[in-house]
Amino acid sequence: MKRVMTVRTVCGIVATLLAIASGLSSTWAQEKKSTVENALGYTMNSLGGEKVDLKKYKGKVVLLVNTASACGLTPQYTELQAVYEKYKDKGLVVLGFPCNQFGKQEPGSATEISEFCTKNYGVTFDMFEKVEVNGEGACELYKSLTAMDLKPKGSGKVSWNFEKFLLDRDGKPVARFEPKTSPDDKEIIAAVENLLGSK
């Protein structure tokens, strides 16, 4: 009788442990999915060296761009600033992430990048420390962004400086645009206005 009770007890314990393991696995999967679908779940360093929890931008529409100071596309800073100024009061933020992976076109220090952006383009939107966006050294933010199949570009590596990701007010990436697509392109503006209108 004691043996039967022991077997039943063991079976009960095993069943309980399996149920717990299954629940933990499900929770982990949900958290992983949440991380992939929410690009604001990261902490990055600002160009001034301060830690910034990207959750602070929740509730905003985010235009996220990898930038460079010595690129043929560098004048896009002008359009980025203009778009930011036009829509910031409605809830748009622009986040710039300098990157030196493409033609080594962002070799400067954080101070040099800041001075360049301010002096030449009057940039007032938030800029961050240099990051890598491709390869093993890519920051987790860009690893998650590039893994997603976002229209119109799709998934895969960032192709050059000034590639653009658009996030909705919940931090979910909803669109990705080629580097040569100007920040004030009608397709980007239409997407931005649509997201700003869906508060």
N, C-alpha and C. Protein backbone atom coordinates (compact mmCIF):
# COMPACT_ATOMS: atom_id res chain seq x y z
N MET A 1 0.84 -1.21 0.00
CA MET A 1 0.00 0.00 0.00
C MET A 1 0.88 1.26 0.00
N LYS A 2 1.93 1.19 0.84
CA LYS A 2 2.82 2.34 0.91
C LYS A 2 3.52 2.56 -0.43
N ARG A 3 3.86 1.44 -1.12
CA ARG A 3 4.53 1.55 -2.41
C ARG A 3 3.63 2.22 -3.43
N VAL A 4 2.32 1.84 -3.43
CA VAL A 4 1.36 2.44 -4.36
C VAL A 4 1.24 3.94 -4.10
N MET A 5 1.16 4.29 -2.83
CA MET A 5 1.07 5.71 -2.47
C MET A 5 2.32 6.48 -2.92
N THR A 6 3.47 5.79 -2.77
CA THR A 6 4.73 6.44 -3.16
C THR A 6 4.78 6.68 -4.66
N VAL A 7 4.37 5.67 -5.43
CA VAL A 7 4.34 5.82 -6.89
C VAL A 7 3.39 6.94 -7.30
N ARG A 8 2.20 6.94 -6.65
CA ARG A 8 1.22 7.99 -6.96
C ARG A 8 1.77 9.37 -6.61
N THR A 9 2.44 9.43 -5.47
CA THR A 9 3.01 10.71 -5.03
C THR A 9 4.08 11.20 -6.01
N VAL A 10 4.97 10.24 -6.41
CA VAL A 10 6.00 10.59 -7.37
C VAL A 10 5.40 11.06 -8.68
N CYS A 11 4.38 10.33 -9.14
CA CYS A 11 3.71 10.72 -10.39
C CYS A 11 3.09 12.10 -10.29
N GLY A 12 2.52 12.37 -9.11
CA GLY A 12 1.91 13.68 -8.89
C GLY A 12 2.94 14.79 -8.93
N ILE A 13 4.08 14.52 -8.27
CA ILE A 13 5.16 15.50 -8.26
C ILE A 13 5.69 15.76 -9.67
N VAL A 14 5.90 14.68 -10.42
CA VAL A 14 6.39 14.79 -11.79
C VAL A 14 5.42 15.61 -12.63
N ALA A 15 4.13 15.30 -12.49
CA ALA A 15 3.11 16.03 -13.25
C ALA A 15 3.12 17.51 -12.91
N THR A 16 3.28 17.80 -11.62
CA THR A 16 3.32 19.19 -11.17
C THR A 16 4.54 19.93 -11.75
N LEU A 17 5.69 19.24 -11.69
CA LEU A 17 6.91 19.84 -12.23
C LEU A 17 6.81 20.08 -13.73
N LEU A 18 6.21 19.14 -14.45
CA LEU A 18 6.03 19.31 -15.89
C LEU A 18 5.13 20.50 -16.20
N ALA A 19 4.07 20.65 -15.38
CA ALA A 19 3.15 21.76 -15.58
C ALA A 19 3.86 23.10 -15.34
N ILE A 20 4.70 23.15 -14.28
CA ILE A 20 5.45 24.37 -13.98
C ILE A 20 6.41 24.69 -15.11
N ALA A 21 7.13 23.64 -15.57
CA ALA A 21 8.10 23.83 -16.66
C ALA A 21 7.41 24.34 -17.91
N SER A 22 6.23 23.78 -18.20
CA SER A 22 5.48 24.20 -19.37
C SER A 22 5.07 25.66 -19.25
N GLY A 23 4.65 26.04 -18.05
CA GLY A 23 4.24 27.42 -17.82
C GLY A 23 5.39 28.38 -17.96
N LEU A 24 6.56 27.99 -17.42
CA LEU A 24 7.75 28.84 -17.54
C LEU A 24 8.18 28.99 -18.99
N SER A 25 8.09 27.87 -19.74
CA SER A 25 8.46 27.91 -21.15
C SER A 25 7.56 28.84 -21.92
N SER A 26 6.25 28.79 -21.59
CA SER A 26 5.29 29.65 -22.27
C SER A 26 5.55 31.12 -21.94
N THR A 27 5.86 31.38 -20.64
CA THR A 27 6.15 32.74 -20.22
C THR A 27 7.39 33.27 -20.91
N TRP A 28 8.45 32.41 -20.99
CA TRP A 28 9.69 32.81 -21.65
C TRP A 28 9.44 33.13 -23.11
N ALA A 29 8.62 32.31 -23.77
CA ALA A 29 8.31 32.53 -25.19
C ALA A 29 7.58 33.85 -25.38
N GLN A 30 6.65 34.15 -24.45
CA GLN A 30 5.90 35.39 -24.55
C GLN A 30 6.82 36.59 -24.34
N GLU A 31 7.77 36.47 -23.36
CA GLU A 31 8.69 37.56 -23.11
C GLU A 31 9.62 37.77 -24.29
N LYS A 32 10.08 36.68 -24.91
CA LYS A 32 10.95 36.78 -26.07
C LYS A 32 10.21 37.44 -27.22
N LYS A 33 8.97 37.04 -27.43
CA LYS A 33 8.15 37.63 -28.49
C LYS A 33 7.94 39.11 -28.23
N SER A 34 7.70 39.44 -26.95
CA SER A 34 7.49 40.83 -26.59
C SER A 34 8.72 41.67 -26.88
N THR A 35 9.91 41.11 -26.59
CA THR A 35 11.15 41.83 -26.84
C THR A 35 11.33 42.10 -28.33
N VAL A 36 11.02 41.11 -29.16
CA VAL A 36 11.17 41.26 -30.60
C VAL A 36 10.18 42.28 -31.14
N GLU A 37 8.97 42.27 -30.60
CA GLU A 37 7.94 43.14 -31.13
C GLU A 37 7.98 44.54 -30.54
N ASN A 38 8.76 44.74 -29.48
CA ASN A 38 8.85 46.06 -28.86
C ASN A 38 10.30 46.52 -28.85
N ALA A 39 10.59 47.50 -29.68
CA ALA A 39 11.96 47.97 -29.81
C ALA A 39 12.36 48.94 -28.70
N LEU A 40 11.45 49.21 -27.77
CA LEU A 40 11.77 50.13 -26.69
C LEU A 40 12.20 49.40 -25.42
N GLY A 41 12.46 48.11 -25.54
CA GLY A 41 12.85 47.33 -24.37
C GLY A 41 14.34 47.30 -24.13
N TYR A 42 15.05 48.34 -24.50
CA TYR A 42 16.50 48.37 -24.39
C TYR A 42 16.97 49.66 -23.71
N THR A 43 18.15 49.60 -23.15
CA THR A 43 18.79 50.79 -22.58
C THR A 43 20.02 51.09 -23.43
N MET A 44 20.11 52.32 -23.90
CA MET A 44 21.22 52.75 -24.76
C MET A 44 21.91 53.94 -24.12
N ASN A 45 23.11 54.24 -24.57
CA ASN A 45 23.83 55.41 -24.08
C ASN A 45 23.61 56.59 -25.01
N SER A 46 23.31 57.74 -24.43
CA SER A 46 23.15 58.94 -25.23
C SER A 46 24.52 59.39 -25.73
N LEU A 47 24.52 60.33 -26.65
CA LEU A 47 25.78 60.85 -27.18
C LEU A 47 26.59 61.52 -26.07
N GLY A 48 25.90 61.94 -25.02
CA GLY A 48 26.58 62.55 -23.88
C GLY A 48 27.04 61.53 -22.85
N GLY A 49 26.78 60.24 -23.12
CA GLY A 49 27.25 59.19 -22.23
C GLY A 49 26.29 58.77 -21.14
N GLU A 50 25.08 59.30 -21.16
CA GLU A 50 24.09 58.94 -20.14
C GLU A 50 23.26 57.75 -20.60
N LYS A 51 22.90 56.88 -19.65
CA LYS A 51 22.07 55.73 -19.97
C LYS A 51 20.64 56.19 -20.20
N VAL A 52 20.04 55.71 -21.28
CA VAL A 52 18.68 56.10 -21.63
C VAL A 52 17.83 54.84 -21.79
N ASP A 53 16.81 54.72 -20.96
CA ASP A 53 15.86 53.62 -21.10
C ASP A 53 14.90 54.01 -22.22
N LEU A 54 14.91 53.26 -23.31
CA LEU A 54 14.09 53.63 -24.46
C LEU A 54 12.59 53.58 -24.17
N LYS A 55 12.22 53.00 -23.03
CA LYS A 55 10.80 53.00 -22.65
C LYS A 55 10.27 54.42 -22.46
N LYS A 56 11.18 55.37 -22.28
CA LYS A 56 10.75 56.76 -22.10
C LYS A 56 10.03 57.29 -23.34
N TYR A 57 10.24 56.63 -24.49
CA TYR A 57 9.61 57.07 -25.73
C TYR A 57 8.27 56.38 -25.99
N LYS A 58 7.83 55.52 -25.08
CA LYS A 58 6.54 54.87 -25.27
C LYS A 58 5.45 55.95 -25.29
N GLY A 59 4.54 55.82 -26.22
CA GLY A 59 3.51 56.83 -26.41
C GLY A 59 3.86 57.79 -27.53
N LYS A 60 5.11 57.71 -28.01
CA LYS A 60 5.56 58.53 -29.13
C LYS A 60 5.68 57.67 -30.39
N VAL A 61 5.59 58.32 -31.54
CA VAL A 61 5.94 57.67 -32.79
C VAL A 61 7.44 57.90 -32.98
N VAL A 62 8.17 56.83 -33.27
CA VAL A 62 9.64 56.92 -33.30
C VAL A 62 10.18 56.66 -34.71
N LEU A 63 11.01 57.57 -35.19
CA LEU A 63 11.74 57.38 -36.44
C LEU A 63 13.20 57.16 -36.03
N LEU A 64 13.69 55.96 -36.24
CA LEU A 64 15.00 55.54 -35.75
C LEU A 64 15.94 55.37 -36.93
N VAL A 65 17.11 56.05 -36.88
CA VAL A 65 18.00 56.11 -38.03
C VAL A 65 19.46 55.89 -37.63
N ASN A 66 20.20 55.07 -38.40
CA ASN A 66 21.64 54.98 -38.19
C ASN A 66 22.31 56.05 -39.06
N THR A 67 23.16 56.85 -38.44
CA THR A 67 23.68 58.05 -39.09
C THR A 67 25.20 58.01 -39.29
N ALA A 68 25.70 58.96 -40.08
CA ALA A 68 27.13 59.12 -40.31
C ALA A 68 27.42 60.55 -40.74
N SER A 69 28.59 61.05 -40.40
CA SER A 69 28.94 62.45 -40.65
C SER A 69 29.67 62.70 -41.97
N ALA A 70 30.17 61.64 -42.61
CA ALA A 70 30.96 61.84 -43.83
C ALA A 70 30.43 60.99 -44.97
N CYS A 71 29.13 60.96 -45.10
CA CYS A 71 28.46 60.13 -46.11
C CYS A 71 27.76 61.03 -47.13
N GLY A 72 27.59 60.50 -48.32
CA GLY A 72 26.85 61.25 -49.33
C GLY A 72 25.42 61.51 -48.92
N LEU A 73 24.93 60.72 -47.95
CA LEU A 73 23.56 60.89 -47.47
C LEU A 73 23.48 61.74 -46.20
N THR A 74 24.63 62.21 -45.73
CA THR A 74 24.65 63.01 -44.50
C THR A 74 23.71 64.22 -44.54
N PRO A 75 23.51 64.87 -45.71
CA PRO A 75 22.55 65.99 -45.76
C PRO A 75 21.13 65.60 -45.35
N GLN A 76 20.85 64.31 -45.22
CA GLN A 76 19.52 63.90 -44.74
C GLN A 76 19.27 64.39 -43.32
N TYR A 77 20.34 64.78 -42.62
CA TYR A 77 20.14 65.38 -41.30
C TYR A 77 19.20 66.58 -41.40
N THR A 78 19.28 67.30 -42.52
CA THR A 78 18.42 68.47 -42.71
C THR A 78 16.96 68.07 -42.73
N GLU A 79 16.63 67.02 -43.51
CA GLU A 79 15.25 66.56 -43.60
C GLU A 79 14.78 65.93 -42.29
N LEU A 80 15.68 65.18 -41.64
CA LEU A 80 15.33 64.58 -40.34
C LEU A 80 14.95 65.66 -39.33
N GLN A 81 15.75 66.71 -39.28
CA GLN A 81 15.47 67.81 -38.35
C GLN A 81 14.17 68.51 -38.71
N ALA A 82 13.94 68.71 -40.01
CA ALA A 82 12.71 69.39 -40.45
C ALA A 82 11.47 68.57 -40.12
N VAL A 83 11.54 67.27 -40.37
CA VAL A 83 10.41 66.39 -40.06
C VAL A 83 10.16 66.37 -38.55
N TYR A 84 11.24 66.31 -37.79
CA TYR A 84 11.13 66.32 -36.33
C TYR A 84 10.44 67.61 -35.85
N GLU A 85 10.89 68.75 -36.35
CA GLU A 85 10.32 70.02 -35.93
C GLU A 85 8.85 70.15 -36.31
N LYS A 86 8.51 69.60 -37.47
CA LYS A 86 7.12 69.71 -37.94
C LYS A 86 6.16 68.87 -37.11
N TYR A 87 6.62 67.70 -36.66
CA TYR A 87 5.70 66.76 -36.02
C TYR A 87 5.97 66.49 -34.54
N LYS A 88 7.00 67.09 -33.96
CA LYS A 88 7.34 66.77 -32.57
C LYS A 88 6.21 67.10 -31.59
N ASP A 89 5.49 68.19 -31.86
CA ASP A 89 4.40 68.57 -30.95
C ASP A 89 3.20 67.63 -31.06
N LYS A 90 3.18 66.85 -32.12
CA LYS A 90 2.10 65.86 -32.29
C LYS A 90 2.50 64.48 -31.78
N GLY A 91 3.79 64.37 -31.39
CA GLY A 91 4.20 63.10 -30.79
C GLY A 91 5.29 62.34 -31.51
N LEU A 92 6.00 62.97 -32.45
CA LEU A 92 7.09 62.28 -33.15
C LEU A 92 8.43 62.54 -32.47
N VAL A 93 9.24 61.50 -32.36
CA VAL A 93 10.63 61.68 -31.95
C VAL A 93 11.52 61.03 -33.00
N VAL A 94 12.68 61.62 -33.21
CA VAL A 94 13.69 61.06 -34.11
C VAL A 94 14.88 60.66 -33.24
N LEU A 95 15.36 59.43 -33.42
CA LEU A 95 16.51 58.94 -32.66
C LEU A 95 17.63 58.60 -33.63
N GLY A 96 18.79 59.24 -33.45
CA GLY A 96 19.92 59.01 -34.33
C GLY A 96 20.96 58.13 -33.65
N PHE A 97 21.40 57.10 -34.38
CA PHE A 97 22.41 56.17 -33.87
C PHE A 97 23.62 56.17 -34.82
N PRO A 98 24.64 56.96 -34.51
CA PRO A 98 25.84 56.99 -35.36
C PRO A 98 26.45 55.59 -35.49
N CYS A 99 26.99 55.31 -36.67
CA CYS A 99 27.58 54.00 -36.93
C CYS A 99 28.75 54.17 -37.90
N ASN A 100 29.85 53.48 -37.61
CA ASN A 100 31.06 53.61 -38.43
C ASN A 100 31.31 52.37 -39.29
N GLN A 101 30.28 51.56 -39.49
CA GLN A 101 30.46 50.30 -40.21
C GLN A 101 30.42 50.44 -41.73
N PHE A 102 29.94 51.55 -42.22
CA PHE A 102 29.77 51.70 -43.67
C PHE A 102 30.78 52.72 -44.20
N GLY A 103 31.85 52.20 -44.82
CA GLY A 103 32.87 53.06 -45.37
C GLY A 103 33.62 53.86 -44.33
N LYS A 104 33.50 53.44 -43.04
CA LYS A 104 34.15 54.17 -41.93
C LYS A 104 33.84 55.67 -42.02
N GLN A 105 32.57 55.97 -42.24
CA GLN A 105 32.15 57.35 -42.46
C GLN A 105 31.67 58.06 -41.20
N GLU A 106 31.87 57.40 -40.05
CA GLU A 106 31.57 58.06 -38.78
C GLU A 106 32.72 57.78 -37.80
N PRO A 107 33.93 58.34 -38.10
CA PRO A 107 35.11 58.03 -37.30
C PRO A 107 35.24 58.87 -36.03
N GLY A 108 34.48 59.95 -35.91
CA GLY A 108 34.66 60.90 -34.82
C GLY A 108 34.26 60.40 -33.45
N SER A 109 34.67 61.16 -32.44
CA SER A 109 34.28 60.89 -31.06
C SER A 109 32.85 61.39 -30.85
N ALA A 110 32.29 61.06 -29.70
CA ALA A 110 30.93 61.52 -29.38
C ALA A 110 30.86 63.04 -29.41
N THR A 111 31.88 63.69 -28.87
CA THR A 111 31.91 65.15 -28.84
C THR A 111 31.97 65.72 -30.26
N GLU A 112 32.81 65.13 -31.10
CA GLU A 112 32.94 65.59 -32.48
C GLU A 112 31.63 65.39 -33.25
N ILE A 113 30.97 64.26 -33.04
CA ILE A 113 29.70 64.00 -33.71
C ILE A 113 28.66 65.02 -33.28
N SER A 114 28.60 65.28 -31.98
CA SER A 114 27.63 66.23 -31.45
C SER A 114 27.86 67.62 -32.03
N GLU A 115 29.11 68.06 -32.03
CA GLU A 115 29.43 69.39 -32.57
C GLU A 115 29.13 69.48 -34.06
N PHE A 116 29.43 68.41 -34.79
CA PHE A 116 29.17 68.39 -36.23
C PHE A 116 27.68 68.52 -36.51
N CYS A 117 26.88 67.73 -35.82
CA CYS A 117 25.43 67.74 -36.05
C CYS A 117 24.80 69.07 -35.68
N THR A 118 25.26 69.64 -34.59
CA THR A 118 24.70 70.92 -34.13
C THR A 118 25.11 72.08 -35.03
N LYS A 119 26.40 72.13 -35.33
CA LYS A 119 26.94 73.25 -36.12
C LYS A 119 26.45 73.23 -37.56
N ASN A 120 26.44 72.05 -38.18
CA ASN A 120 26.13 71.98 -39.61
C ASN A 120 24.66 71.78 -39.93
N TYR A 121 23.91 71.14 -39.01
CA TYR A 121 22.52 70.82 -39.34
C TYR A 121 21.51 71.24 -38.27
N GLY A 122 21.99 71.86 -37.21
CA GLY A 122 21.08 72.33 -36.16
C GLY A 122 20.28 71.22 -35.53
N VAL A 123 20.86 70.03 -35.41
CA VAL A 123 20.14 68.87 -34.88
C VAL A 123 19.76 69.07 -33.42
N THR A 124 18.50 68.89 -33.12
CA THR A 124 18.01 68.97 -31.73
C THR A 124 17.34 67.67 -31.29
N PHE A 125 17.16 66.73 -32.23
CA PHE A 125 16.56 65.45 -31.81
C PHE A 125 17.61 64.61 -31.09
N ASP A 126 17.18 63.57 -30.41
CA ASP A 126 18.07 62.78 -29.56
C ASP A 126 19.07 61.94 -30.37
N MET A 127 20.33 62.07 -29.99
CA MET A 127 21.40 61.31 -30.62
C MET A 127 22.05 60.40 -29.58
N PHE A 128 22.54 59.25 -30.04
CA PHE A 128 23.10 58.26 -29.14
C PHE A 128 24.55 57.95 -29.51
N GLU A 129 25.23 57.24 -28.59
CA GLU A 129 26.61 56.85 -28.86
C GLU A 129 26.69 55.93 -30.07
N LYS A 130 27.86 55.86 -30.67
CA LYS A 130 28.05 55.00 -31.84
C LYS A 130 27.75 53.55 -31.50
N VAL A 131 27.10 52.88 -32.44
CA VAL A 131 26.77 51.47 -32.28
C VAL A 131 27.14 50.73 -33.56
N GLU A 132 27.17 49.42 -33.47
CA GLU A 132 27.24 48.58 -34.66
C GLU A 132 25.84 48.07 -34.92
N VAL A 133 25.47 48.01 -36.19
CA VAL A 133 24.11 47.62 -36.55
C VAL A 133 24.05 46.26 -37.26
N ASN A 134 25.22 45.78 -37.69
CA ASN A 134 25.31 44.48 -38.37
C ASN A 134 26.39 43.61 -37.72
N GLY A 135 26.28 42.30 -37.95
CA GLY A 135 27.33 41.39 -37.51
C GLY A 135 27.24 41.00 -36.04
N GLU A 136 28.27 40.27 -35.59
CA GLU A 136 28.29 39.76 -34.23
C GLU A 136 28.31 40.88 -33.19
N GLY A 137 28.91 42.00 -33.54
CA GLY A 137 29.00 43.11 -32.59
C GLY A 137 27.80 44.04 -32.58
N ALA A 138 26.79 43.72 -33.37
CA ALA A 138 25.60 44.58 -33.43
C ALA A 138 24.92 44.66 -32.07
N CYS A 139 24.44 45.83 -31.73
CA CYS A 139 23.73 45.99 -30.47
C CYS A 139 22.40 45.24 -30.55
N GLU A 140 21.87 44.88 -29.38
CA GLU A 140 20.65 44.06 -29.34
C GLU A 140 19.47 44.75 -30.01
N LEU A 141 19.41 46.06 -29.90
CA LEU A 141 18.31 46.81 -30.55
C LEU A 141 18.29 46.52 -32.03
N TYR A 142 19.44 46.63 -32.68
CA TYR A 142 19.48 46.42 -34.13
C TYR A 142 19.39 44.95 -34.51
N LYS A 143 19.84 44.07 -33.64
CA LYS A 143 19.65 42.63 -33.92
C LYS A 143 18.17 42.31 -34.02
N SER A 144 17.37 42.88 -33.12
CA SER A 144 15.93 42.62 -33.14
C SER A 144 15.26 43.31 -34.32
N LEU A 145 15.67 44.54 -34.62
CA LEU A 145 15.06 45.28 -35.73
C LEU A 145 15.31 44.60 -37.07
N THR A 146 16.55 44.19 -37.31
CA THR A 146 16.90 43.62 -38.61
C THR A 146 16.34 42.21 -38.80
N ALA A 147 15.91 41.57 -37.72
CA ALA A 147 15.33 40.23 -37.82
C ALA A 147 13.87 40.27 -38.27
N MET A 148 13.27 41.44 -38.21
CA MET A 148 11.84 41.56 -38.52
C MET A 148 11.61 41.86 -40.00
N ASP A 149 10.56 41.27 -40.54
CA ASP A 149 10.19 41.48 -41.94
C ASP A 149 9.26 42.68 -42.03
N LEU A 150 9.85 43.84 -42.23
CA LEU A 150 9.09 45.08 -42.23
C LEU A 150 9.03 45.67 -43.64
N LYS A 151 7.86 46.09 -44.05
CA LYS A 151 7.69 46.72 -45.35
C LYS A 151 8.17 48.16 -45.29
N PRO A 152 8.64 48.75 -46.38
CA PRO A 152 8.76 48.09 -47.67
C PRO A 152 10.06 47.32 -47.89
N LYS A 153 11.06 47.48 -47.02
CA LYS A 153 12.35 46.85 -47.30
C LYS A 153 12.42 45.36 -46.99
N GLY A 154 11.85 44.93 -45.87
CA GLY A 154 11.95 43.54 -45.46
C GLY A 154 13.01 43.35 -44.39
N SER A 155 13.39 42.10 -44.12
CA SER A 155 14.35 41.81 -43.06
C SER A 155 15.77 41.76 -43.63
N GLY A 156 16.74 41.57 -42.73
CA GLY A 156 18.13 41.45 -43.16
C GLY A 156 18.99 42.61 -42.71
N LYS A 157 20.25 42.54 -43.06
CA LYS A 157 21.22 43.53 -42.62
C LYS A 157 20.87 44.95 -43.07
N VAL A 158 21.30 45.91 -42.27
CA VAL A 158 21.23 47.31 -42.67
C VAL A 158 22.19 47.48 -43.84
N SER A 159 21.75 48.11 -44.90
CA SER A 159 22.56 48.18 -46.12
C SER A 159 23.54 49.35 -46.17
N TRP A 160 23.21 50.45 -45.46
CA TRP A 160 24.11 51.62 -45.49
C TRP A 160 23.65 52.62 -44.43
N ASN A 161 24.35 53.74 -44.38
CA ASN A 161 23.96 54.81 -43.46
C ASN A 161 22.57 55.34 -43.80
N PHE A 162 21.88 55.80 -42.78
CA PHE A 162 20.57 56.46 -42.91
C PHE A 162 19.44 55.52 -43.33
N GLU A 163 19.53 54.26 -42.92
CA GLU A 163 18.37 53.37 -43.06
C GLU A 163 17.40 53.74 -41.93
N LYS A 164 16.11 53.62 -42.20
CA LYS A 164 15.13 54.15 -41.26
C LYS A 164 14.11 53.09 -40.82
N PHE A 165 13.87 53.06 -39.51
CA PHE A 165 12.84 52.20 -38.93
C PHE A 165 11.79 53.10 -38.28
N LEU A 166 10.54 52.73 -38.47
CA LEU A 166 9.44 53.51 -37.89
C LEU A 166 8.71 52.64 -36.86
N LEU A 167 8.54 53.19 -35.65
CA LEU A 167 7.87 52.48 -34.57
C LEU A 167 6.56 53.18 -34.21
N ASP A 168 5.55 52.39 -33.88
CA ASP A 168 4.29 53.00 -33.46
C ASP A 168 4.38 53.44 -32.00
N ARG A 169 3.29 53.94 -31.46
CA ARG A 169 3.30 54.52 -30.11
C ARG A 169 3.56 53.48 -29.02
N ASP A 170 3.40 52.21 -29.34
CA ASP A 170 3.69 51.14 -28.37
C ASP A 170 5.11 50.61 -28.51
N GLY A 171 5.87 51.18 -29.44
CA GLY A 171 7.25 50.72 -29.64
C GLY A 171 7.37 49.57 -30.62
N LYS A 172 6.29 49.22 -31.28
CA LYS A 172 6.32 48.13 -32.24
C LYS A 172 6.82 48.63 -33.60
N PRO A 173 7.88 48.01 -34.14
CA PRO A 173 8.36 48.38 -35.47
C PRO A 173 7.29 48.08 -36.53
N VAL A 174 6.98 49.05 -37.36
CA VAL A 174 5.92 48.86 -38.35
C VAL A 174 6.38 49.09 -39.79
N ALA A 175 7.56 49.71 -39.97
CA ALA A 175 8.02 49.98 -41.34
C ALA A 175 9.54 50.15 -41.34
N ARG A 176 10.13 49.90 -42.52
CA ARG A 176 11.57 50.04 -42.69
C ARG A 176 11.85 50.59 -44.08
N PHE A 177 12.68 51.62 -44.14
CA PHE A 177 12.92 52.31 -45.41
C PHE A 177 14.41 52.31 -45.78
N GLU A 178 14.68 52.24 -47.07
CA GLU A 178 16.03 52.22 -47.60
C GLU A 178 16.78 53.52 -47.25
N PRO A 179 18.11 53.47 -47.18
CA PRO A 179 18.90 54.66 -46.89
C PRO A 179 18.62 55.84 -47.82
N LYS A 180 18.45 55.58 -49.11
CA LYS A 180 18.25 56.66 -50.07
C LYS A 180 16.85 57.25 -50.03
N THR A 181 15.95 56.63 -49.28
CA THR A 181 14.61 57.20 -49.13
C THR A 181 14.69 58.38 -48.18
N SER A 182 14.43 59.56 -48.68
CA SER A 182 14.55 60.77 -47.88
C SER A 182 13.57 60.76 -46.71
N PRO A 183 13.97 61.32 -45.57
CA PRO A 183 13.06 61.38 -44.41
C PRO A 183 11.74 62.09 -44.70
N ASP A 184 11.75 63.00 -45.67
CA ASP A 184 10.51 63.69 -46.01
C ASP A 184 9.82 63.10 -47.24
N ASP A 185 10.22 61.89 -47.62
CA ASP A 185 9.56 61.18 -48.71
C ASP A 185 8.08 61.01 -48.38
N LYS A 186 7.24 61.07 -49.39
CA LYS A 186 5.79 61.03 -49.15
C LYS A 186 5.34 59.74 -48.48
N GLU A 187 6.05 58.65 -48.75
CA GLU A 187 5.67 57.37 -48.14
C GLU A 187 5.96 57.38 -46.63
N ILE A 188 7.11 57.94 -46.26
CA ILE A 188 7.44 58.04 -44.84
C ILE A 188 6.49 59.00 -44.13
N ILE A 189 6.26 60.14 -44.75
CA ILE A 189 5.38 61.14 -44.14
C ILE A 189 3.96 60.59 -43.96
N ALA A 190 3.49 59.88 -44.95
CA ALA A 190 2.14 59.29 -44.85
C ALA A 190 2.07 58.31 -43.69
N ALA A 191 3.12 57.50 -43.54
CA ALA A 191 3.15 56.52 -42.45
C ALA A 191 3.23 57.22 -41.09
N VAL A 192 4.05 58.26 -41.01
CA VAL A 192 4.18 59.02 -39.77
C VAL A 192 2.85 59.66 -39.39
N GLU A 193 2.22 60.32 -40.35
CA GLU A 193 0.94 60.99 -40.06
C GLU A 193 -0.13 59.99 -39.66
N ASN A 194 -0.13 58.82 -40.30
CA ASN A 194 -1.10 57.80 -39.95
C ASN A 194 -0.91 57.34 -38.50
N LEU A 195 0.34 57.12 -38.10
CA LEU A 195 0.61 56.67 -36.74
C LEU A 195 0.33 57.76 -35.72
N LEU A 196 0.62 59.00 -36.06
CA LEU A 196 0.35 60.11 -35.15
C LEU A 196 -1.14 60.30 -34.95
N GLY A 197 -1.91 59.96 -35.97
CA GLY A 197 -3.36 60.12 -35.88
C GLY A 197 -4.06 59.00 -35.15
N SER A 198 -3.31 57.94 -34.81
CA SER A 198 -3.92 56.78 -34.17
C SER A 198 -3.49 56.68 -32.72
N LYS A 199 -3.58 57.81 -32.00
CA LYS A 199 -3.17 57.86 -30.60
C LYS A 199 -4.12 57.08 -29.73
